[in-house]
Amino acid sequence: MAQVLTEERTNTFHSFFESWLVEQDHYLEELVSASKRRRVHHPSAADDDDTVLRQKIARVIDHYEQYYRAKSTCAKTDALPMFNPPWRSSLEDAFLWIGGWRPTMAFHLLYSKSGLQLQDKLADLLQGLAAGDLADLSPAQVNQINDLQRATVREEKEISEKLAKQQEKVADTSMVELSNAVTEAMRNPAAAAAVDDGGDGRVAAALAPKEVGLAE
């Protein structure tokens, strides 16, 4: 029964995630289109274009927040599927960090992209022309990004340390006792019967606090 409920919750989140991706692609396309329109419009229309851009950026951010709220809700009900989403490919699994993408990866992508664009538009920038992309970032904006990156690195480290502590609990007393009981059951039929009688309850009791810790 518990396995059926877990599968239902996982499928529910998977359905949400698929719909979320479709909406996200749509919002990003609108954002890119609005950004392109801003670059070709007359400077007198810049304020109106900026207002539209801010609205679309806010919607994309809110959409990401919606994803994490939904994921948090599902994790509080059953955390384990969130750490190993069954719909992910093997390649995606290799790059997962606590069931998702590592937050600091966004900064690496930003710096890589801005570096390429800066190199590509360097001649225009030296002539005082706007690049119309990340190469136009001001020193103040770059400093804000650096500050946000440092804060994100600190929080990411704290979360990684919390996860490590949860993983260490696999070797705590309750798990060792359970492992010994299972090993003995494999060797001794009489012990196997005893484990079968109360095995599910012991496993649930041993894993429950660990699942709570992972959900947190």
Foldseek 3Di string as FASTA:
>chain_A
DVVVVLVVLLVVLVVVVVVLVVVLVVLVVVLVVLLVVLVPDDPVCNVVSVVVNVVSVVVNVVSVVVNVVSLLVSLQVFVVCQQPPPVDDPVVNVQDDSNHHQVLVVVVVLVVVLVVLCVVCVVVVVVVHDSSDSVNDDPVNVVVSVVVSVVSVVVSVVVVVLVVVLVVLCPDPLNVVLVVLVVVVVVDVVSVVVCVVCVVVSVCVSCVVSSNSSSD
